[in-house]
N, C-alpha and C. Protein backbone atom coordinates (compact mmCIF):
# COMPACT_ATOMS: atom_id res chain seq x y z
N MET A 1 -33.27 -55.81 -200.39
CA MET A 1 -33.12 -56.93 -199.50
C MET A 1 -34.51 -57.49 -199.21
N GLY A 2 -34.63 -58.81 -199.29
CA GLY A 2 -35.92 -59.45 -199.10
C GLY A 2 -36.24 -59.77 -197.65
N ALA A 3 -37.41 -60.31 -197.46
CA ALA A 3 -37.87 -60.63 -196.11
C ALA A 3 -37.03 -61.69 -195.41
N PRO A 4 -36.58 -62.77 -196.11
CA PRO A 4 -35.76 -63.77 -195.41
C PRO A 4 -34.42 -63.20 -194.91
N GLU A 5 -33.81 -62.34 -195.71
CA GLU A 5 -32.54 -61.74 -195.28
C GLU A 5 -32.73 -60.85 -194.05
N ILE A 6 -33.80 -60.06 -194.06
CA ILE A 6 -34.08 -59.19 -192.92
C ILE A 6 -34.36 -60.02 -191.68
N PHE A 7 -35.10 -61.13 -191.84
CA PHE A 7 -35.38 -62.00 -190.71
C PHE A 7 -34.10 -62.57 -190.11
N PHE A 8 -33.19 -63.06 -190.94
CA PHE A 8 -31.96 -63.66 -190.42
C PHE A 8 -31.04 -62.62 -189.79
N ILE A 9 -31.03 -61.42 -190.32
CA ILE A 9 -30.25 -60.34 -189.71
C ILE A 9 -30.81 -60.00 -188.33
N ARG A 10 -32.13 -59.86 -188.25
CA ARG A 10 -32.76 -59.56 -186.96
C ARG A 10 -32.58 -60.70 -185.98
N LEU A 11 -32.68 -61.94 -186.45
CA LEU A 11 -32.50 -63.09 -185.58
C LEU A 11 -31.09 -63.14 -185.02
N SER A 12 -30.09 -62.95 -185.87
CA SER A 12 -28.70 -63.00 -185.40
C SER A 12 -28.40 -61.85 -184.45
N LEU A 13 -28.91 -60.66 -184.74
CA LEU A 13 -28.68 -59.53 -183.84
C LEU A 13 -29.38 -59.71 -182.50
N SER A 14 -30.59 -60.25 -182.52
CA SER A 14 -31.29 -60.45 -181.26
C SER A 14 -30.59 -61.50 -180.40
N ILE A 15 -30.09 -62.56 -181.00
CA ILE A 15 -29.33 -63.57 -180.24
C ILE A 15 -28.05 -62.96 -179.68
N MET A 16 -27.36 -62.19 -180.49
CA MET A 16 -26.10 -61.58 -180.05
C MET A 16 -26.34 -60.60 -178.90
N PHE A 17 -27.32 -59.71 -179.05
CA PHE A 17 -27.59 -58.73 -177.99
C PHE A 17 -28.13 -59.40 -176.72
N ALA A 18 -28.97 -60.42 -176.87
CA ALA A 18 -29.48 -61.13 -175.70
C ALA A 18 -28.34 -61.80 -174.95
N PHE A 19 -27.41 -62.40 -175.68
CA PHE A 19 -26.27 -63.04 -175.03
C PHE A 19 -25.41 -62.02 -174.29
N LEU A 20 -25.13 -60.89 -174.94
CA LEU A 20 -24.31 -59.87 -174.29
C LEU A 20 -24.99 -59.27 -173.06
N ILE A 21 -26.28 -58.97 -173.17
CA ILE A 21 -27.02 -58.40 -172.03
C ILE A 21 -27.03 -59.37 -170.86
N CYS A 22 -27.31 -60.64 -171.16
CA CYS A 22 -27.38 -61.63 -170.07
C CYS A 22 -26.01 -61.89 -169.45
N ARG A 23 -24.96 -61.85 -170.23
CA ARG A 23 -23.63 -62.09 -169.66
C ARG A 23 -23.14 -60.88 -168.86
N PHE A 24 -23.53 -59.68 -169.25
CA PHE A 24 -23.11 -58.50 -168.49
C PHE A 24 -23.86 -58.38 -167.17
N PHE A 25 -25.17 -58.60 -167.20
CA PHE A 25 -25.98 -58.33 -166.02
C PHE A 25 -26.34 -59.57 -165.20
N PHE A 26 -26.47 -60.71 -165.86
CA PHE A 26 -26.86 -61.95 -165.17
C PHE A 26 -25.88 -63.05 -165.58
N GLN A 27 -24.75 -63.14 -164.93
CA GLN A 27 -23.68 -64.04 -165.34
C GLN A 27 -24.06 -65.52 -165.30
N SER A 28 -24.92 -65.92 -164.41
CA SER A 28 -25.23 -67.35 -164.27
C SER A 28 -26.59 -67.72 -164.87
N MET A 29 -27.09 -66.96 -165.81
CA MET A 29 -28.39 -67.25 -166.42
C MET A 29 -28.26 -68.42 -167.39
N PRO A 30 -29.19 -69.38 -167.33
CA PRO A 30 -29.14 -70.51 -168.27
C PRO A 30 -29.37 -70.06 -169.72
N MET A 31 -28.84 -70.83 -170.66
CA MET A 31 -28.92 -70.46 -172.07
C MET A 31 -30.35 -70.46 -172.59
N ILE A 32 -31.22 -71.27 -172.03
CA ILE A 32 -32.61 -71.28 -172.50
C ILE A 32 -33.28 -69.94 -172.24
N LYS A 33 -32.94 -69.29 -171.15
CA LYS A 33 -33.50 -67.97 -170.86
C LYS A 33 -32.88 -66.90 -171.76
N VAL A 34 -31.62 -67.09 -172.15
CA VAL A 34 -30.99 -66.17 -173.10
C VAL A 34 -31.72 -66.24 -174.44
N PHE A 35 -32.03 -67.46 -174.89
CA PHE A 35 -32.76 -67.59 -176.14
C PHE A 35 -34.19 -67.09 -176.01
N GLY A 36 -34.77 -67.21 -174.83
CA GLY A 36 -36.08 -66.64 -174.60
C GLY A 36 -36.07 -65.13 -174.74
N LEU A 37 -35.04 -64.49 -174.19
CA LEU A 37 -34.89 -63.05 -174.34
C LEU A 37 -34.68 -62.68 -175.80
N ALA A 38 -33.95 -63.50 -176.53
CA ALA A 38 -33.73 -63.24 -177.96
C ALA A 38 -35.04 -63.31 -178.73
N VAL A 39 -35.89 -64.25 -178.39
CA VAL A 39 -37.19 -64.37 -179.06
C VAL A 39 -38.06 -63.15 -178.74
N ILE A 40 -38.02 -62.71 -177.49
CA ILE A 40 -38.78 -61.52 -177.12
C ILE A 40 -38.28 -60.30 -177.88
N MET A 41 -36.97 -60.16 -177.99
CA MET A 41 -36.40 -59.01 -178.72
C MET A 41 -36.76 -59.07 -180.20
N LEU A 42 -36.75 -60.28 -180.78
CA LEU A 42 -37.12 -60.44 -182.19
C LEU A 42 -38.59 -60.08 -182.39
N GLY A 43 -39.44 -60.52 -181.49
CA GLY A 43 -40.85 -60.18 -181.58
C GLY A 43 -41.09 -58.70 -181.46
N LEU A 44 -40.37 -58.04 -180.55
CA LEU A 44 -40.51 -56.60 -180.40
C LEU A 44 -40.06 -55.85 -181.65
N ALA A 45 -39.06 -56.36 -182.33
CA ALA A 45 -38.61 -55.71 -183.57
C ALA A 45 -39.73 -55.71 -184.60
N TYR A 46 -40.45 -56.83 -184.72
CA TYR A 46 -41.53 -56.90 -185.69
C TYR A 46 -42.74 -56.09 -185.25
N VAL A 47 -43.04 -56.08 -183.96
CA VAL A 47 -44.16 -55.28 -183.47
C VAL A 47 -43.90 -53.79 -183.69
N LEU A 48 -42.69 -53.35 -183.38
CA LEU A 48 -42.37 -51.94 -183.57
C LEU A 48 -42.35 -51.56 -185.05
N GLU A 49 -41.92 -52.47 -185.92
CA GLU A 49 -41.97 -52.20 -187.36
C GLU A 49 -43.41 -52.08 -187.83
N TYR A 50 -44.30 -52.90 -187.30
CA TYR A 50 -45.71 -52.83 -187.67
C TYR A 50 -46.28 -51.46 -187.28
N PHE A 51 -46.01 -51.01 -186.05
CA PHE A 51 -46.53 -49.72 -185.62
C PHE A 51 -45.93 -48.57 -186.43
N ARG A 52 -44.66 -48.68 -186.78
CA ARG A 52 -44.02 -47.62 -187.56
C ARG A 52 -44.64 -47.54 -188.95
N LYS A 53 -44.87 -48.68 -189.60
CA LYS A 53 -45.46 -48.67 -190.93
C LYS A 53 -46.92 -48.24 -190.90
N ARG A 54 -47.63 -48.61 -189.84
CA ARG A 54 -49.03 -48.22 -189.72
C ARG A 54 -49.16 -46.72 -189.57
N LYS A 55 -48.23 -46.13 -188.83
CA LYS A 55 -48.27 -44.69 -188.61
C LYS A 55 -47.98 -43.94 -189.92
N LYS A 56 -47.12 -44.48 -190.76
CA LYS A 56 -46.81 -43.81 -192.02
C LYS A 56 -47.97 -43.90 -193.01
N ARG A 57 -48.80 -44.94 -192.93
CA ARG A 57 -49.90 -45.10 -193.86
C ARG A 57 -51.09 -44.23 -193.55
N GLU A 58 -51.22 -43.77 -192.30
CA GLU A 58 -52.37 -42.96 -191.93
C GLU A 58 -52.33 -41.62 -192.66
N PRO A 59 -53.46 -41.18 -193.21
CA PRO A 59 -53.46 -39.88 -193.91
C PRO A 59 -53.35 -38.73 -192.92
N MET A 60 -52.74 -37.69 -193.37
CA MET A 60 -52.57 -36.51 -192.53
C MET A 60 -53.89 -35.73 -192.51
N PRO A 61 -54.30 -35.24 -191.36
CA PRO A 61 -55.58 -34.47 -191.29
C PRO A 61 -55.44 -33.09 -191.87
């Protein structure tokens, strides 16, 4: 699976989870804030992937 497919999967999952979280806990939250949460979740997915890959590349002492 290539990078565009992974991006679209992560994007759709972050939008879906952001919508569900906001509807469960904050019923009257505007949609722009839901999409803001989705962007934050998408960014965190890439940041955590970077740290995970960086840790695997480090040589063992």
